[in-house]
């Protein structure tokens, strides 16, 4: 997670960071990532879509994210 956080903080704002591992998608989104290259989406597409779309509705800095404001 440290490397992902460093990458997110060091790339231009237009550079999009995606999780490559379903298990760390939520923390990556909380750090400022925008989505996931997902295997789990084949089994739980609705839940994964909710989680990844939630980033666009979050307010404040990415690190202020919590499960309460991105998961219904």
PDB file of N, CA and C in Angstrom:
ATOM      1  N   UNK A   1       0.815  -1.183   0.000  1.00  0.00           N
ATOM      2  CA  UNK A   1       0.000   0.000   0.000  1.00  0.00           C
ATOM      3  C   UNK A   1       0.867   1.258   0.000  1.00  0.00           C
ATOM      4  N   UNK A   2       2.035   1.150   0.606  1.00  0.00           N
ATOM      5  CA  UNK A   2       2.927   2.308   0.643  1.00  0.00           C
ATOM      6  C   UNK A   2       3.340   2.715  -0.767  1.00  0.00           C
ATOM      7  N   UNK A   3       3.706   1.742  -1.593  1.00  0.00           N
ATOM      8  CA  UNK A   3       4.106   2.045  -2.962  1.00  0.00           C
ATOM      9  C   UNK A   3       2.952   2.631  -3.760  1.00  0.00           C
ATOM     10  N   UNK A   4       1.751   2.125  -3.555  1.00  0.00           N
ATOM     11  CA  UNK A   4       0.587   2.647  -4.268  1.00  0.00           C
ATOM     12  C   UNK A   4       0.325   4.084  -3.837  1.00  0.00           C
ATOM     13  N   UNK A   5       0.391   4.351  -2.543  1.00  0.00           N
ATOM     14  CA  UNK A   5       0.181   5.707  -2.041  1.00  0.00           C
ATOM     15  C   UNK A   5       1.229   6.654  -2.611  1.00  0.00           C
ATOM     16  N   UNK A   6       2.470   6.219  -2.650  1.00  0.00           N
ATOM     17  CA  UNK A   6       3.535   7.051  -3.206  1.00  0.00           C
ATOM     18  C   UNK A   6       3.296   7.321  -4.688  1.00  0.00           C
ATOM     19  N   UNK A   7       2.865   6.304  -5.425  1.00  0.00           N
ATOM     20  CA  UNK A   7       2.582   6.486  -6.851  1.00  0.00           C
ATOM     21  C   UNK A   7       1.445   7.479  -7.058  1.00  0.00           C
ATOM     22  N   UNK A   8       0.375   7.325  -6.307  1.00  0.00           N
ATOM     23  CA  UNK A   8      -0.773   8.223  -6.433  1.00  0.00           C
ATOM     24  C   UNK A   8      -0.373   9.663  -6.127  1.00  0.00           C
ATOM     25  N   UNK A   9       0.484   9.844  -5.140  1.00  0.00           N
ATOM     26  CA  UNK A   9       0.896  11.184  -4.736  1.00  0.00           C
ATOM     27  C   UNK A   9       1.965  11.805  -5.631  1.00  0.00           C
ATOM     28  N   UNK A  10       2.591  11.003  -6.482  1.00  0.00           N
ATOM     29  CA  UNK A  10       3.685  11.543  -7.288  1.00  0.00           C
ATOM     30  C   UNK A  10       3.362  11.683  -8.775  1.00  0.00           C
ATOM     31  N   UNK A  11       2.243  11.141  -9.223  1.00  0.00           N
ATOM     32  CA  UNK A  11       1.900  11.247 -10.646  1.00  0.00           C
ATOM     33  C   UNK A  11       0.996  12.457 -10.877  1.00  0.00           C
ATOM     34  N   UNK A  12       0.934  12.953 -12.120  1.00  0.00           N
ATOM     35  CA  UNK A  12       0.022  14.059 -12.420  1.00  0.00           C
ATOM     36  C   UNK A  12      -1.424  13.673 -12.100  1.00  0.00           C
ATOM     37  N   UNK A  13      -2.236  14.677 -11.786  1.00  0.00           N
ATOM     38  CA  UNK A  13      -3.631  14.429 -11.397  1.00  0.00           C
ATOM     39  C   UNK A  13      -4.410  13.658 -12.463  1.00  0.00           C
ATOM     40  N   UNK A  14      -4.072  13.851 -13.734  1.00  0.00           N
ATOM     41  CA  UNK A  14      -4.792  13.176 -14.820  1.00  0.00           C
ATOM     42  C   UNK A  14      -4.373  11.717 -14.998  1.00  0.00           C
ATOM     43  N   UNK A  15      -3.329  11.303 -14.305  1.00  0.00           N
ATOM     44  CA  UNK A  15      -2.849   9.924 -14.366  1.00  0.00           C
ATOM     45  C   UNK A  15      -3.765   9.079 -13.490  1.00  0.00           C
ATOM     46  N   UNK A  16      -4.405   8.076 -14.060  1.00  0.00           N
ATOM     47  CA  UNK A  16      -5.364   7.261 -13.320  1.00  0.00           C
ATOM     48  C   UNK A  16      -4.696   6.002 -12.789  1.00  0.00           C
ATOM     49  N   UNK A  17      -4.889   5.741 -11.507  1.00  0.00           N
ATOM     50  CA  UNK A  17      -4.319   4.558 -10.867  1.00  0.00           C
ATOM     51  C   UNK A  17      -5.440   3.568 -10.589  1.00  0.00           C
ATOM     52  N   UNK A  18      -5.244   2.332 -11.027  1.00  0.00           N
ATOM     53  CA  UNK A  18      -6.205   1.254 -10.831  1.00  0.00           C
ATOM     54  C   UNK A  18      -5.588   0.181  -9.942  1.00  0.00           C
ATOM     55  N   UNK A  19      -6.428  -0.493  -9.184  1.00  0.00           N
ATOM     56  CA  UNK A  19      -5.980  -1.652  -8.430  1.00  0.00           C
ATOM     57  C   UNK A  19      -5.892  -2.828  -9.394  1.00  0.00           C
ATOM     58  N   UNK A  20      -4.898  -3.659  -9.210  1.00  0.00           N
ATOM     59  CA  UNK A  20      -4.783  -4.872 -10.012  1.00  0.00           C
ATOM     60  C   UNK A  20      -5.130  -6.101  -9.207  1.00  0.00           C
ATOM     61  N   UNK A  21      -5.652  -5.899  -8.006  1.00  0.00           N
ATOM     62  CA  UNK A  21      -5.950  -6.999  -7.084  1.00  0.00           C
ATOM     63  C   UNK A  21      -7.261  -6.685  -6.367  1.00  0.00           C
ATOM     64  N   UNK A  22      -8.242  -7.517  -6.567  1.00  0.00           N
ATOM     65  CA  UNK A  22      -9.554  -7.300  -5.946  1.00  0.00           C
ATOM     66  C   UNK A  22      -9.465  -7.084  -4.438  1.00  0.00           C
ATOM     67  N   UNK A  23      -8.565  -7.780  -3.783  1.00  0.00           N
ATOM     68  CA  UNK A  23      -8.471  -7.719  -2.324  1.00  0.00           C
ATOM     69  C   UNK A  23      -8.051  -6.352  -1.799  1.00  0.00           C
ATOM     70  N   UNK A  24      -7.385  -5.548  -2.618  1.00  0.00           N
ATOM     71  CA  UNK A  24      -6.941  -4.233  -2.150  1.00  0.00           C
ATOM     72  C   UNK A  24      -7.649  -3.086  -2.861  1.00  0.00           C
ATOM     73  N   UNK A  25      -8.726  -3.383  -3.551  1.00  0.00           N
ATOM     74  CA  UNK A  25      -9.436  -2.340  -4.292  1.00  0.00           C
ATOM     75  C   UNK A  25      -9.935  -1.226  -3.388  1.00  0.00           C
ATOM     76  N   UNK A  26     -10.574  -1.545  -2.304  1.00  0.00           N
ATOM     77  CA  UNK A  26     -11.111  -0.510  -1.413  1.00  0.00           C
ATOM     78  C   UNK A  26     -10.009   0.391  -0.858  1.00  0.00           C
ATOM     79  N   UNK A  27      -8.909  -0.165  -0.346  1.00  0.00           N
ATOM     80  CA  UNK A  27      -7.850   0.728   0.111  1.00  0.00           C
ATOM     81  C   UNK A  27      -7.241   1.583  -1.006  1.00  0.00           C
ATOM     82  N   UNK A  28      -7.103   1.019  -2.199  1.00  0.00           N
ATOM     83  CA  UNK A  28      -6.561   1.801  -3.316  1.00  0.00           C
ATOM     84  C   UNK A  28      -7.503   2.953  -3.653  1.00  0.00           C
ATOM     85  N   UNK A  29      -8.791   2.704  -3.678  1.00  0.00           N
ATOM     86  CA  UNK A  29      -9.767   3.767  -3.945  1.00  0.00           C
ATOM     87  C   UNK A  29      -9.714   4.818  -2.834  1.00  0.00           C
ATOM     88  N   UNK A  30      -9.575   4.366  -1.590  1.00  0.00           N
ATOM     89  CA  UNK A  30      -9.489   5.311  -0.473  1.00  0.00           C
ATOM     90  C   UNK A  30      -8.257   6.202  -0.579  1.00  0.00           C
ATOM     91  N   UNK A  31      -7.198   5.699  -1.194  1.00  0.00           N
ATOM     92  CA  UNK A  31      -5.982   6.482  -1.374  1.00  0.00           C
ATOM     93  C   UNK A  31      -6.059   7.419  -2.576  1.00  0.00           C
ATOM     94  N   UNK A  32      -7.050   7.206  -3.439  1.00  0.00           N
ATOM     95  CA  UNK A  32      -7.179   8.056  -4.622  1.00  0.00           C
ATOM     96  C   UNK A  32      -7.212   7.301  -5.926  1.00  0.00           C
ATOM     97  N   UNK A  33      -7.148   5.979  -5.868  1.00  0.00           N
ATOM     98  CA  UNK A  33      -7.283   5.171  -7.080  1.00  0.00           C
ATOM     99  C   UNK A  33      -8.676   5.307  -7.659  1.00  0.00           C
ATOM    100  N   UNK A  34      -8.823   4.899  -8.916  1.00  0.00           N
ATOM    101  CA  UNK A  34     -10.108   5.134  -9.580  1.00  0.00           C
ATOM    102  C   UNK A  34     -10.863   3.876  -9.968  1.00  0.00           C
ATOM    103  N   UNK A  35     -10.266   2.716  -9.844  1.00  0.00           N
ATOM    104  CA  UNK A  35     -10.965   1.511 -10.254  1.00  0.00           C
ATOM    105  C   UNK A  35     -10.119   0.275 -10.056  1.00  0.00           C
ATOM    106  N   UNK A  36     -10.516  -0.798 -10.740  1.00  0.00           N
ATOM    107  CA  UNK A  36      -9.857  -2.086 -10.560  1.00  0.00           C
ATOM    108  C   UNK A  36      -9.915  -2.888 -11.856  1.00  0.00           C
ATOM    109  N   UNK A  37      -8.857  -3.637 -12.110  1.00  0.00           N
ATOM    110  CA  UNK A  37      -8.865  -4.683 -13.122  1.00  0.00           C
ATOM    111  C   UNK A  37      -9.262  -5.918 -12.324  1.00  0.00           C
ATOM    112  N   UNK A  38     -10.501  -6.378 -12.512  1.00  0.00           N
ATOM    113  CA  UNK A  38     -11.125  -7.259 -11.532  1.00  0.00           C
ATOM    114  C   UNK A  38     -11.516  -8.634 -12.059  1.00  0.00           C
ATOM    115  N   UNK A  39     -11.274  -9.634 -11.229  1.00  0.00           N
ATOM    116  CA  UNK A  39     -11.795 -10.983 -11.462  1.00  0.00           C
ATOM    117  C   UNK A  39     -13.119 -11.133 -10.723  1.00  0.00           C
ATOM    118  N   UNK A  40     -13.197 -10.570  -9.517  1.00  0.00           N
ATOM    119  CA  UNK A  40     -14.400 -10.686  -8.683  1.00  0.00           C
ATOM    120  C   UNK A  40     -15.635 -10.111  -9.372  1.00  0.00           C
ATOM    121  N   UNK A  41     -15.433  -9.166 -10.265  1.00  0.00           N
ATOM    122  CA  UNK A  41     -16.576  -8.551 -10.955  1.00  0.00           C
ATOM    123  C   UNK A  41     -17.381  -9.550 -11.769  1.00  0.00           C
ATOM    124  N   UNK A  42     -16.779 -10.671 -12.091  1.00  0.00           N
ATOM    125  CA  UNK A  42     -17.526 -11.713 -12.794  1.00  0.00           C
ATOM    126  C   UNK A  42     -18.546 -12.379 -11.888  1.00  0.00           C
ATOM    127  N   UNK A  43     -18.281 -12.411 -10.600  1.00  0.00           N
ATOM    128  CA  UNK A  43     -19.181 -13.043  -9.638  1.00  0.00           C
ATOM    129  C   UNK A  43     -20.073 -12.046  -8.907  1.00  0.00           C
ATOM    130  N   UNK A  44     -19.550 -10.873  -8.614  1.00  0.00           N
ATOM    131  CA  UNK A  44     -20.307  -9.861  -7.868  1.00  0.00           C
ATOM    132  C   UNK A  44     -20.209  -8.507  -8.589  1.00  0.00           C
ATOM    133  N   UNK A  45     -20.721  -8.436  -9.816  1.00  0.00           N
ATOM    134  CA  UNK A  45     -20.566  -7.207 -10.592  1.00  0.00           C
ATOM    135  C   UNK A  45     -21.225  -5.992  -9.955  1.00  0.00           C
ATOM    136  N   UNK A  46     -22.401  -6.154  -9.378  1.00  0.00           N
ATOM    137  CA  UNK A  46     -23.114  -5.026  -8.790  1.00  0.00           C
ATOM    138  C   UNK A  46     -22.320  -4.423  -7.628  1.00  0.00           C
ATOM    139  N   UNK A  47     -21.846  -5.267  -6.741  1.00  0.00           N
ATOM    140  CA  UNK A  47     -21.105  -4.797  -5.569  1.00  0.00           C
ATOM    141  C   UNK A  47     -19.796  -4.119  -5.967  1.00  0.00           C
ATOM    142  N   UNK A  48     -19.096  -4.684  -6.932  1.00  0.00           N
ATOM    143  CA  UNK A  48     -17.834  -4.081  -7.382  1.00  0.00           C
ATOM    144  C   UNK A  48     -18.088  -2.746  -8.074  1.00  0.00           C
ATOM    145  N   UNK A  49     -19.161  -2.660  -8.822  1.00  0.00           N
ATOM    146  CA  UNK A  49     -19.506  -1.399  -9.491  1.00  0.00           C
ATOM    147  C   UNK A  49     -19.830  -0.319  -8.464  1.00  0.00           C
ATOM    148  N   UNK A  50     -20.575  -0.664  -7.432  1.00  0.00           N
ATOM    149  CA  UNK A  50     -20.898   0.303  -6.375  1.00  0.00           C
ATOM    150  C   UNK A  50     -19.610   0.823  -5.746  1.00  0.00           C
ATOM    151  N   UNK A  51     -18.709  -0.078  -5.430  1.00  0.00           N
ATOM    152  CA  UNK A  51     -17.469   0.324  -4.765  1.00  0.00           C
ATOM    153  C   UNK A  51     -16.611   1.218  -5.659  1.00  0.00           C
ATOM    154  N   UNK A  52     -16.475   0.872  -6.919  1.00  0.00           N
ATOM    155  CA  UNK A  52     -15.602   1.664  -7.781  1.00  0.00           C
ATOM    156  C   UNK A  52     -16.244   2.978  -8.214  1.00  0.00           C
ATOM    157  N   UNK A  53     -17.549   3.024  -8.364  1.00  0.00           N
ATOM    158  CA  UNK A  53     -18.221   4.275  -8.717  1.00  0.00           C
ATOM    159  C   UNK A  53     -18.272   5.251  -7.557  1.00  0.00           C
ATOM    160  N   UNK A  54     -18.184   4.751  -6.359  1.00  0.00           N
ATOM    161  CA  UNK A  54     -18.312   5.596  -5.175  1.00  0.00           C
ATOM    162  C   UNK A  54     -17.241   6.672  -5.111  1.00  0.00           C
ATOM    163  N   UNK A  55     -16.087   6.426  -5.683  1.00  0.00           N
ATOM    164  CA  UNK A  55     -15.009   7.430  -5.638  1.00  0.00           C
ATOM    165  C   UNK A  55     -15.463   8.746  -6.236  1.00  0.00           C
ATOM    166  N   UNK A  56     -16.264   8.696  -7.284  1.00  0.00           N
ATOM    167  CA  UNK A  56     -16.698   9.936  -7.931  1.00  0.00           C
ATOM    168  C   UNK A  56     -17.673  10.724  -7.072  1.00  0.00           C
ATOM    169  N   UNK A  57     -18.244  10.112  -6.052  1.00  0.00           N
ATOM    170  CA  UNK A  57     -19.197  10.809  -5.187  1.00  0.00           C
ATOM    171  C   UNK A  57     -18.573  11.235  -3.860  1.00  0.00           C
ATOM    172  N   UNK A  58     -17.326  10.846  -3.619  1.00  0.00           N
ATOM    173  CA  UNK A  58     -16.675  11.194  -2.363  1.00  0.00           C
ATOM    174  C   UNK A  58     -16.290  12.667  -2.364  1.00  0.00           C
ATOM    175  N   UNK A  59     -16.279  13.250  -1.195  1.00  0.00           N
ATOM    176  CA  UNK A  59     -15.848  14.633  -1.065  1.00  0.00           C
ATOM    177  C   UNK A  59     -14.603  14.687  -0.198  1.00  0.00           C
ATOM    178  N   UNK A  60     -13.851  15.734  -0.357  1.00  0.00           N
ATOM    179  CA  UNK A  60     -12.637  15.886   0.436  1.00  0.00           C
ATOM    180  C   UNK A  60     -11.497  15.100  -0.159  1.00  0.00           C
ATOM    181  N   UNK A  61     -10.359  15.157   0.503  1.00  0.00           N
ATOM    182  CA  UNK A  61      -9.183  14.455  -0.007  1.00  0.00           C
ATOM    183  C   UNK A  61      -9.387  12.952   0.036  1.00  0.00           C
ATOM    184  N   UNK A  62      -8.773  12.203  -0.892  1.00  0.00           N
ATOM    185  CA  UNK A  62      -8.950  10.758  -0.919  1.00  0.00           C
ATOM    186  C   UNK A  62      -8.659  10.081   0.401  1.00  0.00           C
ATOM    187  N   UNK A  63      -7.658  10.544   1.137  1.00  0.00           N
ATOM    188  CA  UNK A  63      -7.312   9.885   2.393  1.00  0.00           C
ATOM    189  C   UNK A  63      -8.378  10.047   3.460  1.00  0.00           C
ATOM    190  N   UNK A  64      -9.340  10.940   3.244  1.00  0.00           N
ATOM    191  CA  UNK A  64     -10.415  11.127   4.205  1.00  0.00           C
ATOM    192  C   UNK A  64     -11.517  10.090   4.023  1.00  0.00           C
ATOM    193  N   UNK A  65     -11.373   9.244   3.024  1.00  0.00           N
ATOM    194  CA  UNK A  65     -12.412   8.252   2.728  1.00  0.00           C
ATOM    195  C   UNK A  65     -12.530   7.228   3.844  1.00  0.00           C
ATOM    196  N   UNK A  66     -13.723   6.771   4.013  1.00  0.00           N
ATOM    197  CA  UNK A  66     -13.939   5.654   4.939  1.00  0.00           C
ATOM    198  C   UNK A  66     -15.002   4.757   4.334  1.00  0.00           C
ATOM    199  N   UNK A  67     -15.106   3.574   4.827  1.00  0.00           N
ATOM    200  CA  UNK A  67     -16.106   2.632   4.315  1.00  0.00           C
ATOM    201  C   UNK A  67     -17.503   3.222   4.437  1.00  0.00           C
ATOM    202  N   UNK A  68     -17.744   4.060   5.419  1.00  0.00           N
ATOM    203  CA  UNK A  68     -19.080   4.623   5.635  1.00  0.00           C
ATOM    204  C   UNK A  68     -19.513   5.533   4.510  1.00  0.00           C
ATOM    205  N   UNK A  69     -18.585   6.239   3.853  1.00  0.00           N
ATOM    206  CA  UNK A  69     -19.034   7.146   2.811  1.00  0.00           C
ATOM    207  C   UNK A  69     -18.846   6.604   1.400  1.00  0.00           C
ATOM    208  N   UNK A  70     -18.453   5.333   1.258  1.00  0.00           N
ATOM    209  CA  UNK A  70     -18.412   4.791  -0.090  1.00  0.00           C
ATOM    210  C   UNK A  70     -19.158   3.478  -0.250  1.00  0.00           C
ATOM    211  N   UNK A  71     -19.722   2.952   0.795  1.00  0.00           N
ATOM    212  CA  UNK A  71     -20.467   1.691   0.685  1.00  0.00           C
ATOM    213  C   UNK A  71     -21.843   1.888   1.296  1.00  0.00           C
ATOM    214  N   UNK A  72     -22.889   1.671   0.497  1.00  0.00           N
ATOM    215  CA  UNK A  72     -24.251   1.928   1.017  1.00  0.00           C
ATOM    216  C   UNK A  72     -24.664   0.985   2.142  1.00  0.00           C
TER     217      UNK A  72
END
